[in-house]
Amino acid sequence: MYMMAKHIHLTAVALSILLFVIRFVWSQFNADVLQKKWAKILPHVIDTFLLVSAITLCVILSQYPFVTAWVTAKLIGVIAYIVLGLFALKKASTKMGKWLCFAGALAVLAFTAKVAILKQVPFIS
């Protein structure tokens, strides 16, 4: 069960990041594909698998946010990524603002990945 949940989670992470980058590039070129129904629904489907697999892994490992520091850091990172991604794709009013939010989202993802790999928060002993 653990390996299945982990593989689903990692696959969903990779697909979510890939789709975020592709959607950002499309948004920079005002691509019509962003208005397609599948382009609006697919990210939610992938993120649902991501969330369900994350919760499953927490239960299997008995490691929960606000109990285990690295899981809390991942949760905070994911929330920051979602907010920055929202601004990068929709809310930022200038092109520079969108790019800064996009870069920030990628930086938060890198931090979150590091936390996930090390299973510890780098700045907490």
PDB file of N, CA and C in Angstrom:
ATOM      1  N   MET A   1       0.826  -1.201   0.000  1.00  0.00           N
ATOM      2  CA  MET A   1       0.000   0.000   0.000  1.00  0.00           C
ATOM      3  C   MET A   1       0.866   1.259   0.000  1.00  0.00           C
ATOM      4  N   TYR A   2       1.942   1.244   0.821  1.00  0.00           N
ATOM      5  CA  TYR A   2       2.819   2.410   0.912  1.00  0.00           C
ATOM      6  C   TYR A   2       3.438   2.731  -0.448  1.00  0.00           C
ATOM      7  N   MET A   3       3.997   1.720  -1.109  1.00  0.00           N
ATOM      8  CA  MET A   3       4.675   1.970  -2.385  1.00  0.00           C
ATOM      9  C   MET A   3       3.698   2.490  -3.448  1.00  0.00           C
ATOM     10  N   MET A   4       2.491   1.946  -3.458  1.00  0.00           N
ATOM     11  CA  MET A   4       1.499   2.412  -4.413  1.00  0.00           C
ATOM     12  C   MET A   4       1.160   3.891  -4.152  1.00  0.00           C
ATOM     13  N   ALA A   5       0.907   4.232  -2.891  1.00  0.00           N
ATOM     14  CA  ALA A   5       0.578   5.618  -2.538  1.00  0.00           C
ATOM     15  C   ALA A   5       1.744   6.545  -2.863  1.00  0.00           C
ATOM     16  N   LYS A   6       2.959   6.098  -2.588  1.00  0.00           N
ATOM     17  CA  LYS A   6       4.147   6.920  -2.865  1.00  0.00           C
ATOM     18  C   LYS A   6       4.300   7.152  -4.370  1.00  0.00           C
ATOM     19  N   HIS A   7       4.120   6.103  -5.180  1.00  0.00           N
ATOM     20  CA  HIS A   7       4.254   6.257  -6.631  1.00  0.00           C
ATOM     21  C   HIS A   7       3.156   7.151  -7.209  1.00  0.00           C
ATOM     22  N   ILE A   8       1.937   6.998  -6.717  1.00  0.00           N
ATOM     23  CA  ILE A   8       0.854   7.881  -7.156  1.00  0.00           C
ATOM     24  C   ILE A   8       1.175   9.325  -6.778  1.00  0.00           C
ATOM     25  N   HIS A   9       1.669   9.514  -5.555  1.00  0.00           N
ATOM     26  CA  HIS A   9       2.000  10.853  -5.079  1.00  0.00           C
ATOM     27  C   HIS A   9       3.101  11.486  -5.933  1.00  0.00           C
ATOM     28  N   LEU A  10       4.176  10.755  -6.162  1.00  0.00           N
ATOM     29  CA  LEU A  10       5.294  11.299  -6.941  1.00  0.00           C
ATOM     30  C   LEU A  10       4.897  11.559  -8.394  1.00  0.00           C
ATOM     31  N   THR A  11       4.073  10.690  -8.955  1.00  0.00           N
ATOM     32  CA  THR A  11       3.590  10.911 -10.320  1.00  0.00           C
ATOM     33  C   THR A  11       2.701  12.144 -10.378  1.00  0.00           C
ATOM     34  N   ALA A  12       1.826  12.299  -9.389  1.00  0.00           N
ATOM     35  CA  ALA A  12       0.953  13.477  -9.342  1.00  0.00           C
ATOM     36  C   ALA A  12       1.768  14.751  -9.151  1.00  0.00           C
ATOM     37  N   VAL A  13       2.815  14.688  -8.331  1.00  0.00           N
ATOM     38  CA  VAL A  13       3.697  15.850  -8.138  1.00  0.00           C
ATOM     39  C   VAL A  13       4.316  16.250  -9.481  1.00  0.00           C
ATOM     40  N   ALA A  14       4.887  15.273 -10.174  1.00  0.00           N
ATOM     41  CA  ALA A  14       5.547  15.561 -11.454  1.00  0.00           C
ATOM     42  C   ALA A  14       4.552  16.126 -12.468  1.00  0.00           C
ATOM     43  N   LEU A  15       3.371  15.526 -12.569  1.00  0.00           N
ATOM     44  CA  LEU A  15       2.362  16.013 -13.514  1.00  0.00           C
ATOM     45  C   LEU A  15       1.866  17.404 -13.136  1.00  0.00           C
ATOM     46  N   SER A  16       1.692  17.649 -11.854  1.00  0.00           N
ATOM     47  CA  SER A  16       1.225  18.951 -11.390  1.00  0.00           C
ATOM     48  C   SER A  16       2.232  20.053 -11.732  1.00  0.00           C
ATOM     49  N   ILE A  17       3.502  19.780 -11.473  1.00  0.00           N
ATOM     50  CA  ILE A  17       4.550  20.764 -11.779  1.00  0.00           C
ATOM     51  C   ILE A  17       4.644  20.987 -13.286  1.00  0.00           C
ATOM     52  N   LEU A  18       4.655  19.900 -14.053  1.00  0.00           N
ATOM     53  CA  LEU A  18       4.743  20.007 -15.510  1.00  0.00           C
ATOM     54  C   LEU A  18       3.577  20.821 -16.064  1.00  0.00           C
ATOM     55  N   LEU A  19       2.386  20.530 -15.601  1.00  0.00           N
ATOM     56  CA  LEU A  19       1.211  21.244 -16.081  1.00  0.00           C
ATOM     57  C   LEU A  19       1.233  22.713 -15.647  1.00  0.00           C
ATOM     58  N   PHE A  20       1.733  22.998 -14.442  1.00  0.00           N
ATOM     59  CA  PHE A  20       1.858  24.386 -13.992  1.00  0.00           C
ATOM     60  C   PHE A  20       2.786  25.165 -14.923  1.00  0.00           C
ATOM     61  N   VAL A  21       3.937  24.586 -15.247  1.00  0.00           N
ATOM     62  CA  VAL A  21       4.897  25.260 -16.127  1.00  0.00           C
ATOM     63  C   VAL A  21       4.293  25.468 -17.517  1.00  0.00           C
ATOM     64  N   ILE A  22       3.649  24.429 -18.050  1.00  0.00           N
ATOM     65  CA  ILE A  22       3.036  24.548 -19.374  1.00  0.00           C
ATOM     66  C   ILE A  22       1.943  25.612 -19.365  1.00  0.00           C
ATOM     67  N   ARG A  23       1.096  25.612 -18.348  1.00  0.00           N
ATOM     68  CA  ARG A  23       0.021  26.610 -18.267  1.00  0.00           C
ATOM     69  C   ARG A  23       0.595  28.018 -18.143  1.00  0.00           C
ATOM     70  N   PHE A  24       1.704  28.162 -17.410  1.00  0.00           N
ATOM     71  CA  PHE A  24       2.318  29.487 -17.296  1.00  0.00           C
ATOM     72  C   PHE A  24       2.821  29.962 -18.656  1.00  0.00           C
ATOM     73  N   VAL A  25       3.507  29.072 -19.373  1.00  0.00           N
ATOM     74  CA  VAL A  25       4.005  29.435 -20.709  1.00  0.00           C
ATOM     75  C   VAL A  25       2.834  29.810 -21.612  1.00  0.00           C
ATOM     76  N   TRP A  26       1.788  29.006 -21.599  1.00  0.00           N
ATOM     77  CA  TRP A  26       0.602  29.331 -22.403  1.00  0.00           C
ATOM     78  C   TRP A  26       0.035  30.692 -22.017  1.00  0.00           C
ATOM     79  N   SER A  27      -0.004  30.979 -20.726  1.00  0.00           N
ATOM     80  CA  SER A  27      -0.575  32.253 -20.277  1.00  0.00           C
ATOM     81  C   SER A  27       0.248  33.440 -20.770  1.00  0.00           C
ATOM     82  N   GLN A  28       1.523  33.237 -20.971  1.00  0.00           N
ATOM     83  CA  GLN A  28       2.374  34.325 -21.456  1.00  0.00           C
ATOM     84  C   GLN A  28       2.122  34.638 -22.929  1.00  0.00           C
ATOM     85  N   PHE A  29       1.575  33.654 -23.635  1.00  0.00           N
ATOM     86  CA  PHE A  29       1.292  33.835 -25.058  1.00  0.00           C
ATOM     87  C   PHE A  29      -0.205  33.940 -25.339  1.00  0.00           C
ATOM     88  N   ASN A  30      -1.007  34.117 -24.280  1.00  0.00           N
ATOM     89  CA  ASN A  30      -2.461  34.213 -24.425  1.00  0.00           C
ATOM     90  C   ASN A  30      -3.024  33.062 -25.263  1.00  0.00           C
ATOM     91  N   ALA A  31      -2.526  31.867 -25.009  1.00  0.00           N
ATOM     92  CA  ALA A  31      -2.946  30.697 -25.780  1.00  0.00           C
ATOM     93  C   ALA A  31      -4.420  30.380 -25.541  1.00  0.00           C
ATOM     94  N   ASP A  32      -5.104  30.097 -26.622  1.00  0.00           N
ATOM     95  CA  ASP A  32      -6.523  29.746 -26.544  1.00  0.00           C
ATOM     96  C   ASP A  32      -6.749  28.430 -25.813  1.00  0.00           C
ATOM     97  N   VAL A  33      -5.736  27.593 -25.784  1.00  0.00           N
ATOM     98  CA  VAL A  33      -5.882  26.275 -25.153  1.00  0.00           C
ATOM     99  C   VAL A  33      -6.230  26.393 -23.666  1.00  0.00           C
ATOM    100  N   LEU A  34      -5.859  27.496 -23.035  1.00  0.00           N
ATOM    101  CA  LEU A  34      -6.193  27.702 -21.619  1.00  0.00           C
ATOM    102  C   LEU A  34      -7.694  27.771 -21.384  1.00  0.00           C
ATOM    103  N   GLN A  35      -8.450  28.083 -22.421  1.00  0.00           N
ATOM    104  CA  GLN A  35      -9.906  28.180 -22.286  1.00  0.00           C
ATOM    105  C   GLN A  35     -10.608  26.855 -22.568  1.00  0.00           C
ATOM    106  N   LYS A  36      -9.860  25.865 -22.993  1.00  0.00           N
ATOM    107  CA  LYS A  36     -10.454  24.542 -23.251  1.00  0.00           C
ATOM    108  C   LYS A  36     -10.890  23.919 -21.926  1.00  0.00           C
ATOM    109  N   LYS A  37     -11.956  23.157 -22.000  1.00  0.00           N
ATOM    110  CA  LYS A  37     -12.509  22.547 -20.793  1.00  0.00           C
ATOM    111  C   LYS A  37     -11.496  21.632 -20.100  1.00  0.00           C
ATOM    112  N   TRP A  38     -10.768  20.814 -20.878  1.00  0.00           N
ATOM    113  CA  TRP A  38      -9.811  19.877 -20.282  1.00  0.00           C
ATOM    114  C   TRP A  38      -8.679  20.615 -19.572  1.00  0.00           C
ATOM    115  N   ALA A  39      -8.287  21.780 -20.097  1.00  0.00           N
ATOM    116  CA  ALA A  39      -7.195  22.546 -19.488  1.00  0.00           C
ATOM    117  C   ALA A  39      -7.621  23.168 -18.161  1.00  0.00           C
ATOM    118  N   LYS A  40      -8.914  23.344 -17.994  1.00  0.00           N
ATOM    119  CA  LYS A  40      -9.419  23.881 -16.734  1.00  0.00           C
ATOM    120  C   LYS A  40      -9.677  22.784 -15.708  1.00  0.00           C
ATOM    121  N   ILE A  41     -10.028  21.583 -16.171  1.00  0.00           N
ATOM    122  CA  ILE A  41     -10.382  20.490 -15.264  1.00  0.00           C
ATOM    123  C   ILE A  41      -9.175  19.639 -14.872  1.00  0.00           C
ATOM    124  N   LEU A  42      -8.287  19.342 -15.822  1.00  0.00           N
ATOM    125  CA  LEU A  42      -7.166  18.428 -15.569  1.00  0.00           C
ATOM    126  C   LEU A  42      -6.313  18.805 -14.357  1.00  0.00           C
ATOM    127  N   PRO A  43      -5.958  20.077 -14.147  1.00  0.00           N
ATOM    128  CA  PRO A  43      -5.155  20.403 -12.964  1.00  0.00           C
ATOM    129  C   PRO A  43      -5.858  20.024 -11.656  1.00  0.00           C
ATOM    130  N   HIS A  44      -7.155  20.171 -11.603  1.00  0.00           N
ATOM    131  CA  HIS A  44      -7.913  19.827 -10.394  1.00  0.00           C
ATOM    132  C   HIS A  44      -7.932  18.313 -10.170  1.00  0.00           C
ATOM    133  N   VAL A  45      -8.030  17.560 -11.254  1.00  0.00           N
ATOM    134  CA  VAL A  45      -8.012  16.095 -11.145  1.00  0.00           C
ATOM    135  C   VAL A  45      -6.656  15.625 -10.621  1.00  0.00           C
ATOM    136  N   ILE A  46      -5.593  16.149 -11.215  1.00  0.00           N
ATOM    137  CA  ILE A  46      -4.241  15.776 -10.784  1.00  0.00           C
ATOM    138  C   ILE A  46      -4.025  16.180  -9.331  1.00  0.00           C
ATOM    139  N   ASP A  47      -4.413  17.389  -8.967  1.00  0.00           N
ATOM    140  CA  ASP A  47      -4.209  17.861  -7.601  1.00  0.00           C
ATOM    141  C   ASP A  47      -5.055  17.092  -6.591  1.00  0.00           C
ATOM    142  N   THR A  48      -6.190  16.563  -7.028  1.00  0.00           N
ATOM    143  CA  THR A  48      -6.986  15.711  -6.148  1.00  0.00           C
ATOM    144  C   THR A  48      -6.238  14.421  -5.844  1.00  0.00           C
ATOM    145  N   PHE A  49      -5.658  13.799  -6.874  1.00  0.00           N
ATOM    146  CA  PHE A  49      -4.838  12.608  -6.651  1.00  0.00           C
ATOM    147  C   PHE A  49      -3.657  12.934  -5.741  1.00  0.00           C
ATOM    148  N   LEU A  50      -3.056  14.095  -5.949  1.00  0.00           N
ATOM    149  CA  LEU A  50      -1.928  14.537  -5.130  1.00  0.00           C
ATOM    150  C   LEU A  50      -2.331  14.661  -3.665  1.00  0.00           C
ATOM    151  N   LEU A  51      -3.449  15.300  -3.408  1.00  0.00           N
ATOM    152  CA  LEU A  51      -3.923  15.496  -2.040  1.00  0.00           C
ATOM    153  C   LEU A  51      -4.314  14.174  -1.380  1.00  0.00           C
ATOM    154  N   VAL A  52      -5.061  13.340  -2.097  1.00  0.00           N
ATOM    155  CA  VAL A  52      -5.491  12.054  -1.528  1.00  0.00           C
ATOM    156  C   VAL A  52      -4.292  11.166  -1.241  1.00  0.00           C
ATOM    157  N   SER A  53      -3.324  11.133  -2.139  1.00  0.00           N
ATOM    158  CA  SER A  53      -2.136  10.303  -1.903  1.00  0.00           C
ATOM    159  C   SER A  53      -1.304  10.860  -0.750  1.00  0.00           C
ATOM    160  N   ALA A  54      -1.243  12.190  -0.607  1.00  0.00           N
ATOM    161  CA  ALA A  54      -0.513  12.790   0.517  1.00  0.00           C
ATOM    162  C   ALA A  54      -1.160  12.427   1.845  1.00  0.00           C
ATOM    163  N   ILE A  55      -2.477  12.515   1.898  1.00  0.00           N
ATOM    164  CA  ILE A  55      -3.193  12.145   3.132  1.00  0.00           C
ATOM    165  C   ILE A  55      -2.989  10.661   3.428  1.00  0.00           C
ATOM    166  N   THR A  56      -3.065   9.836   2.397  1.00  0.00           N
ATOM    167  CA  THR A  56      -2.845   8.395   2.562  1.00  0.00           C
ATOM    168  C   THR A  56      -1.454   8.120   3.124  1.00  0.00           C
ATOM    169  N   LEU A  57      -0.452   8.790   2.587  1.00  0.00           N
ATOM    170  CA  LEU A  57       0.918   8.602   3.081  1.00  0.00           C
ATOM    171  C   LEU A  57       1.050   9.057   4.534  1.00  0.00           C
ATOM    172  N   CYS A  58       0.418  10.161   4.884  1.00  0.00           N
ATOM    173  CA  CYS A  58       0.452  10.621   6.280  1.00  0.00           C
ATOM    174  C   CYS A  58      -0.130   9.563   7.209  1.00  0.00           C
ATOM    175  N   VAL A  59      -1.240   8.972   6.816  1.00  0.00           N
ATOM    176  CA  VAL A  59      -1.886   7.959   7.649  1.00  0.00           C
ATOM    177  C   VAL A  59      -1.014   6.705   7.728  1.00  0.00           C
ATOM    178  N   ILE A  60      -0.513   6.246   6.587  1.00  0.00           N
ATOM    179  CA  ILE A  60       0.328   5.040   6.576  1.00  0.00           C
ATOM    180  C   ILE A  60       1.563   5.236   7.445  1.00  0.00           C
ATOM    181  N   LEU A  61       2.197   6.401   7.338  1.00  0.00           N
ATOM    182  CA  LEU A  61       3.442   6.669   8.066  1.00  0.00           C
ATOM    183  C   LEU A  61       3.213   7.202   9.479  1.00  0.00           C
ATOM    184  N   SER A  62       1.963   7.506   9.804  1.00  0.00           N
ATOM    185  CA  SER A  62       1.622   8.119  11.102  1.00  0.00           C
ATOM    186  C   SER A  62       2.443   9.387  11.346  1.00  0.00           C
ATOM    187  N   GLN A  63       2.566  10.200  10.300  1.00  0.00           N
ATOM    188  CA  GLN A  63       3.271  11.476  10.387  1.00  0.00           C
ATOM    189  C   GLN A  63       2.329  12.541   9.845  1.00  0.00           C
ATOM    190  N   TYR A  64       1.982  13.489  10.718  1.00  0.00           N
ATOM    191  CA  TYR A  64       0.927  14.435  10.400  1.00  0.00           C
ATOM    192  C   TYR A  64       1.415  15.878  10.517  1.00  0.00           C
ATOM    193  N   PRO A  65       0.772  16.791   9.740  1.00  0.00           N
ATOM    194  CA  PRO A  65       1.098  18.210   9.896  1.00  0.00           C
ATOM    195  C   PRO A  65       0.820  18.666  11.331  1.00  0.00           C
ATOM    196  N   PHE A  66       1.612  19.587  11.792  1.00  0.00           N
ATOM    197  CA  PHE A  66       1.530  20.174  13.127  1.00  0.00           C
ATOM    198  C   PHE A  66       1.924  19.180  14.222  1.00  0.00           C
ATOM    199  N   VAL A  67       2.373  17.992  13.827  1.00  0.00           N
ATOM    200  CA  VAL A  67       2.930  17.008  14.756  1.00  0.00           C
ATOM    201  C   VAL A  67       4.369  16.723  14.332  1.00  0.00           C
ATOM    202  N   THR A  68       4.568  16.510  13.027  1.00  0.00           N
ATOM    203  CA  THR A  68       5.878  16.219  12.454  1.00  0.00           C
ATOM    204  C   THR A  68       6.345  17.457  11.687  1.00  0.00           C
ATOM    205  N   ALA A  69       7.509  17.985  12.075  1.00  0.00           N
ATOM    206  CA  ALA A  69       7.985  19.268  11.521  1.00  0.00           C
ATOM    207  C   ALA A  69       8.111  19.250  10.001  1.00  0.00           C
ATOM    208  N   TRP A  70       8.674  18.195   9.434  1.00  0.00           N
ATOM    209  CA  TRP A  70       8.893  18.201   7.985  1.00  0.00           C
ATOM    210  C   TRP A  70       7.574  18.121   7.213  1.00  0.00           C
ATOM    211  N   VAL A  71       6.578  17.438   7.762  1.00  0.00           N
ATOM    212  CA  VAL A  71       5.272  17.374   7.103  1.00  0.00           C
ATOM    213  C   VAL A  71       4.591  18.743   7.191  1.00  0.00           C
ATOM    214  N   THR A  72       4.756  19.420   8.315  1.00  0.00           N
ATOM    215  CA  THR A  72       4.216  20.781   8.461  1.00  0.00           C
ATOM    216  C   THR A  72       4.870  21.716   7.445  1.00  0.00           C
ATOM    217  N   ALA A  73       6.192  21.609   7.285  1.00  0.00           N
ATOM    218  CA  ALA A  73       6.914  22.447   6.320  1.00  0.00           C
ATOM    219  C   ALA A  73       6.432  22.170   4.902  1.00  0.00           C
ATOM    220  N   LYS A  74       6.178  20.902   4.573  1.00  0.00           N
ATOM    221  CA  LYS A  74       5.653  20.572   3.244  1.00  0.00           C
ATOM    222  C   LYS A  74       4.269  21.191   3.038  1.00  0.00           C
ATOM    223  N   LEU A  75       3.428  21.105   4.039  1.00  0.00           N
ATOM    224  CA  LEU A  75       2.085  21.677   3.933  1.00  0.00           C
ATOM    225  C   LEU A  75       2.152  23.186   3.717  1.00  0.00           C
ATOM    226  N   ILE A  76       2.979  23.858   4.494  1.00  0.00           N
ATOM    227  CA  ILE A  76       3.143  25.311   4.341  1.00  0.00           C
ATOM    228  C   ILE A  76       3.701  25.623   2.954  1.00  0.00           C
ATOM    229  N   GLY A  77       4.668  24.806   2.501  1.00  0.00           N
ATOM    230  CA  GLY A  77       5.223  24.986   1.163  1.00  0.00           C
ATOM    231  C   GLY A  77       4.179  24.822   0.077  1.00  0.00           C
ATOM    232  N   VAL A  78       3.331  23.831   0.214  1.00  0.00           N
ATOM    233  CA  VAL A  78       2.278  23.600  -0.779  1.00  0.00           C
ATOM    234  C   VAL A  78       1.293  24.773  -0.799  1.00  0.00           C
ATOM    235  N   ILE A  79       0.938  25.274   0.354  1.00  0.00           N
ATOM    236  CA  ILE A  79       0.025  26.429   0.413  1.00  0.00           C
ATOM    237  C   ILE A  79       0.671  27.646  -0.246  1.00  0.00           C
ATOM    238  N   ALA A  80       1.947  27.888   0.046  1.00  0.00           N
ATOM    239  CA  ALA A  80       2.660  29.012  -0.573  1.00  0.00           C
ATOM    240  C   ALA A  80       2.740  28.830  -2.092  1.00  0.00           C
ATOM    241  N   TYR A  81       2.992  27.605  -2.531  1.00  0.00           N
ATOM    242  CA  TYR A  81       3.049  27.289  -3.961  1.00  0.00           C
ATOM    243  C   TYR A  81       1.704  27.567  -4.632  1.00  0.00           C
ATOM    244  N   ILE A  82       0.614  27.172  -3.981  1.00  0.00           N
ATOM    245  CA  ILE A  82      -0.718  27.398  -4.537  1.00  0.00           C
ATOM    246  C   ILE A  82      -0.993  28.895  -4.677  1.00  0.00           C
ATOM    247  N   VAL A  83      -0.676  29.660  -3.646  1.00  0.00           N
ATOM    248  CA  VAL A  83      -0.916  31.113  -3.676  1.00  0.00           C
ATOM    249  C   VAL A  83      -0.059  31.768  -4.762  1.00  0.00           C
ATOM    250  N   LEU A  84       1.230  31.438  -4.792  1.00  0.00           N
ATOM    251  CA  LEU A  84       2.110  32.021  -5.811  1.00  0.00           C
ATOM    252  C   LEU A  84       1.689  31.581  -7.206  1.00  0.00           C
ATOM    253  N   GLY A  85       1.289  30.320  -7.353  1.00  0.00           N
ATOM    254  CA  GLY A  85       0.820  29.829  -8.645  1.00  0.00           C
ATOM    255  C   GLY A  85      -0.438  30.549  -9.110  1.00  0.00           C
ATOM    256  N   LEU A  86      -1.343  30.807  -8.191  1.00  0.00           N
ATOM    257  CA  LEU A  86      -2.567  31.544  -8.510  1.00  0.00           C
ATOM    258  C   LEU A  86      -2.223  32.943  -9.027  1.00  0.00           C
ATOM    259  N   PHE A  87      -1.288  33.594  -8.368  1.00  0.00           N
ATOM    260  CA  PHE A  87      -0.881  34.925  -8.817  1.00  0.00           C
ATOM    261  C   PHE A  87      -0.123  34.855 -10.136  1.00  0.00           C
ATOM    262  N   ALA A  88       0.729  33.844 -10.306  1.00  0.00           N
ATOM    263  CA  ALA A  88       1.485  33.704 -11.551  1.00  0.00           C
ATOM    264  C   ALA A  88       0.566  33.471 -12.743  1.00  0.00           C
ATOM    265  N   LEU A  89      -0.495  32.703 -12.539  1.00  0.00           N
ATOM    266  CA  LEU A  89      -1.377  32.353 -13.649  1.00  0.00           C
ATOM    267  C   LEU A  89      -2.525  33.333 -13.859  1.00  0.00           C
ATOM    268  N   LYS A  90      -2.999  33.979 -12.779  1.00  0.00           N
ATOM    269  CA  LYS A  90      -4.232  34.765 -12.936  1.00  0.00           C
ATOM    270  C   LYS A  90      -4.221  36.133 -12.268  1.00  0.00           C
ATOM    271  N   LYS A  91      -3.787  36.217 -11.039  1.00  0.00           N
ATOM    272  CA  LYS A  91      -4.062  37.406 -10.228  1.00  0.00           C
ATOM    273  C   LYS A  91      -3.076  38.557 -10.401  1.00  0.00           C
ATOM    274  N   ALA A  92      -1.818  38.264 -10.682  1.00  0.00           N
ATOM    275  CA  ALA A  92      -0.841  39.349 -10.822  1.00  0.00           C
ATOM    276  C   ALA A  92      -1.246  40.225 -12.007  1.00  0.00           C
ATOM    277  N   SER A  93      -1.138  41.529 -11.836  1.00  0.00           N
ATOM    278  CA  SER A  93      -1.643  42.442 -12.864  1.00  0.00           C
ATOM    279  C   SER A  93      -0.608  42.796 -13.934  1.00  0.00           C
ATOM    280  N   THR A  94       0.677  42.563 -13.644  1.00  0.00           N
ATOM    281  CA  THR A  94       1.707  42.884 -14.631  1.00  0.00           C
ATOM    282  C   THR A  94       2.453  41.617 -15.033  1.00  0.00           C
ATOM    283  N   LYS A  95       3.077  41.697 -16.190  1.00  0.00           N
ATOM    284  CA  LYS A  95       3.875  40.566 -16.673  1.00  0.00           C
ATOM    285  C   LYS A  95       5.034  40.290 -15.710  1.00  0.00           C
ATOM    286  N   MET A  96       5.671  41.339 -15.212  1.00  0.00           N
ATOM    287  CA  MET A  96       6.771  41.176 -14.261  1.00  0.00           C
ATOM    288  C   MET A  96       6.273  40.510 -12.981  1.00  0.00           C
ATOM    289  N   GLY A  97       5.108  40.919 -12.503  1.00  0.00           N
ATOM    290  CA  GLY A  97       4.523  40.310 -11.313  1.00  0.00           C
ATOM    291  C   GLY A  97       4.255  38.839 -11.521  1.00  0.00           C
ATOM    292  N   LYS A  98       3.749  38.484 -12.702  1.00  0.00           N
ATOM    293  CA  LYS A  98       3.496  37.076 -13.012  1.00  0.00           C
ATOM    294  C   LYS A  98       4.801  36.277 -13.011  1.00  0.00           C
ATOM    295  N   TRP A  99       5.847  36.838 -13.610  1.00  0.00           N
ATOM    296  CA  TRP A  99       7.142  36.149 -13.653  1.00  0.00           C
ATOM    297  C   TRP A  99       7.748  36.003 -12.257  1.00  0.00           C
ATOM    298  N   LEU A 100       7.636  37.045 -11.447  1.00  0.00           N
ATOM    299  CA  LEU A 100       8.162  36.959 -10.078  1.00  0.00           C
ATOM    300  C   LEU A 100       7.425  35.907  -9.264  1.00  0.00           C
ATOM    301  N   CYS A 101       6.121  35.842  -9.417  1.00  0.00           N
ATOM    302  CA  CYS A 101       5.330  34.821  -8.704  1.00  0.00           C
ATOM    303  C   CYS A 101       5.649  33.428  -9.225  1.00  0.00           C
ATOM    304  N   PHE A 102       5.862  33.309 -10.533  1.00  0.00           N
ATOM    305  CA  PHE A 102       6.246  32.024 -11.125  1.00  0.00           C
ATOM    306  C   PHE A 102       7.591  31.560 -10.559  1.00  0.00           C
ATOM    307  N   ALA A 103       8.567  32.469 -10.528  1.00  0.00           N
ATOM    308  CA  ALA A 103       9.889  32.133  -9.976  1.00  0.00           C
ATOM    309  C   ALA A 103       9.778  31.782  -8.494  1.00  0.00           C
ATOM    310  N   GLY A 104       8.957  32.536  -7.766  1.00  0.00           N
ATOM    311  CA  GLY A 104       8.744  32.241  -6.349  1.00  0.00           C
ATOM    312  C   GLY A 104       8.107  30.885  -6.147  1.00  0.00           C
ATOM    313  N   ALA A 105       7.137  30.545  -6.987  1.00  0.00           N
ATOM    314  CA  ALA A 105       6.482  29.239  -6.886  1.00  0.00           C
ATOM    315  C   ALA A 105       7.486  28.120  -7.122  1.00  0.00           C
ATOM    316  N   LEU A 106       8.360  28.281  -8.110  1.00  0.00           N
ATOM    317  CA  LEU A 106       9.380  27.260  -8.380  1.00  0.00           C
ATOM    318  C   LEU A 106      10.383  27.162  -7.223  1.00  0.00           C
ATOM    319  N   ALA A 107      10.724  28.293  -6.624  1.00  0.00           N
ATOM    320  CA  ALA A 107      11.638  28.277  -5.478  1.00  0.00           C
ATOM    321  C   ALA A 107      11.004  27.550  -4.294  1.00  0.00           C
ATOM    322  N   VAL A 108       9.731  27.809  -4.057  1.00  0.00           N
ATOM    323  CA  VAL A 108       9.020  27.125  -2.973  1.00  0.00           C
ATOM    324  C   VAL A 108       8.949  25.629  -3.258  1.00  0.00           C
ATOM    325  N   LEU A 109       8.725  25.270  -4.521  1.00  0.00           N
ATOM    326  CA  LEU A 109       8.709  23.849  -4.892  1.00  0.00           C
ATOM    327  C   LEU A 109      10.055  23.191  -4.620  1.00  0.00           C
ATOM    328  N   ALA A 110      11.135  23.883  -4.937  1.00  0.00           N
ATOM    329  CA  ALA A 110      12.466  23.333  -4.695  1.00  0.00           C
ATOM    330  C   ALA A 110      12.688  23.111  -3.199  1.00  0.00           C
ATOM    331  N   PHE A 111      12.278  24.074  -2.384  1.00  0.00           N
ATOM    332  CA  PHE A 111      12.395  23.934  -0.932  1.00  0.00           C
ATOM    333  C   PHE A 111      11.562  22.756  -0.441  1.00  0.00           C
ATOM    334  N   THR A 112      10.328  22.663  -0.924  1.00  0.00           N
ATOM    335  CA  THR A 112       9.427  21.599  -0.502  1.00  0.00           C
ATOM    336  C   THR A 112       9.971  20.234  -0.916  1.00  0.00           C
ATOM    337  N   ALA A 113      10.547  20.149  -2.103  1.00  0.00           N
ATOM    338  CA  ALA A 113      11.149  18.891  -2.558  1.00  0.00           C
ATOM    339  C   ALA A 113      12.331  18.513  -1.671  1.00  0.00           C
ATOM    340  N   LYS A 114      13.132  19.501  -1.306  1.00  0.00           N
ATOM    341  CA  LYS A 114      14.271  19.230  -0.425  1.00  0.00           C
ATOM    342  C   LYS A 114      13.791  18.700   0.928  1.00  0.00           C
ATOM    343  N   VAL A 115      12.761  19.307   1.458  1.00  0.00           N
ATOM    344  CA  VAL A 115      12.190  18.849   2.728  1.00  0.00           C
ATOM    345  C   VAL A 115      11.680  17.414   2.583  1.00  0.00           C
ATOM    346  N   ALA A 116      11.008  17.126   1.470  1.00  0.00           N
ATOM    347  CA  ALA A 116      10.452  15.788   1.250  1.00  0.00           C
ATOM    348  C   ALA A 116      11.551  14.738   1.136  1.00  0.00           C
ATOM    349  N   ILE A 117      12.628  15.082   0.474  1.00  0.00           N
ATOM    350  CA  ILE A 117      13.727  14.126   0.287  1.00  0.00           C
ATOM    351  C   ILE A 117      14.479  13.897   1.592  1.00  0.00           C
ATOM    352  N   LEU A 118      14.784  14.984   2.303  1.00  0.00           N
ATOM    353  CA  LEU A 118      15.561  14.875   3.546  1.00  0.00           C
ATOM    354  C   LEU A 118      14.711  14.430   4.731  1.00  0.00           C
ATOM    355  N   LYS A 119      13.400  14.632   4.623  1.00  0.00           N
ATOM    356  CA  LYS A 119      12.461  14.355   5.721  1.00  0.00           C
ATOM    357  C   LYS A 119      12.856  15.123   6.986  1.00  0.00           C
ATOM    358  N   GLN A 120      13.327  16.316   6.758  1.00  0.00           N
ATOM    359  CA  GLN A 120      13.623  17.260   7.847  1.00  0.00           C
ATOM    360  C   GLN A 120      13.642  18.660   7.261  1.00  0.00           C
ATOM    361  N   VAL A 121      13.393  19.634   8.109  1.00  0.00           N
ATOM    362  CA  VAL A 121      13.397  21.026   7.681  1.00  0.00           C
ATOM    363  C   VAL A 121      14.832  21.522   7.801  1.00  0.00           C
ATOM    364  N   PRO A 122      15.415  22.011   6.689  1.00  0.00           N
ATOM    365  CA  PRO A 122      16.839  22.379   6.693  1.00  0.00           C
ATOM    366  C   PRO A 122      17.255  23.364   7.790  1.00  0.00           C
ATOM    367  N   PHE A 123      16.400  24.317   8.145  1.00  0.00           N
ATOM    368  CA  PHE A 123      16.818  25.340   9.109  1.00  0.00           C
ATOM    369  C   PHE A 123      16.388  25.033  10.537  1.00  0.00           C
ATOM    370  N   ILE A 124      15.836  23.839  10.779  1.00  0.00           N
ATOM    371  CA  ILE A 124      15.474  23.422  12.137  1.00  0.00           C
ATOM    372  C   ILE A 124      16.329  22.226  12.513  1.00  0.00           C
ATOM    373  N   SER A 125      17.006  22.315  13.641  1.00  0.00           N
ATOM    374  CA  SER A 125      17.880  21.206  14.068  1.00  0.00           C
ATOM    375  C   SER A 125      17.088  20.118  14.741  1.00  0.00           C
TER     376      SER A 125
END
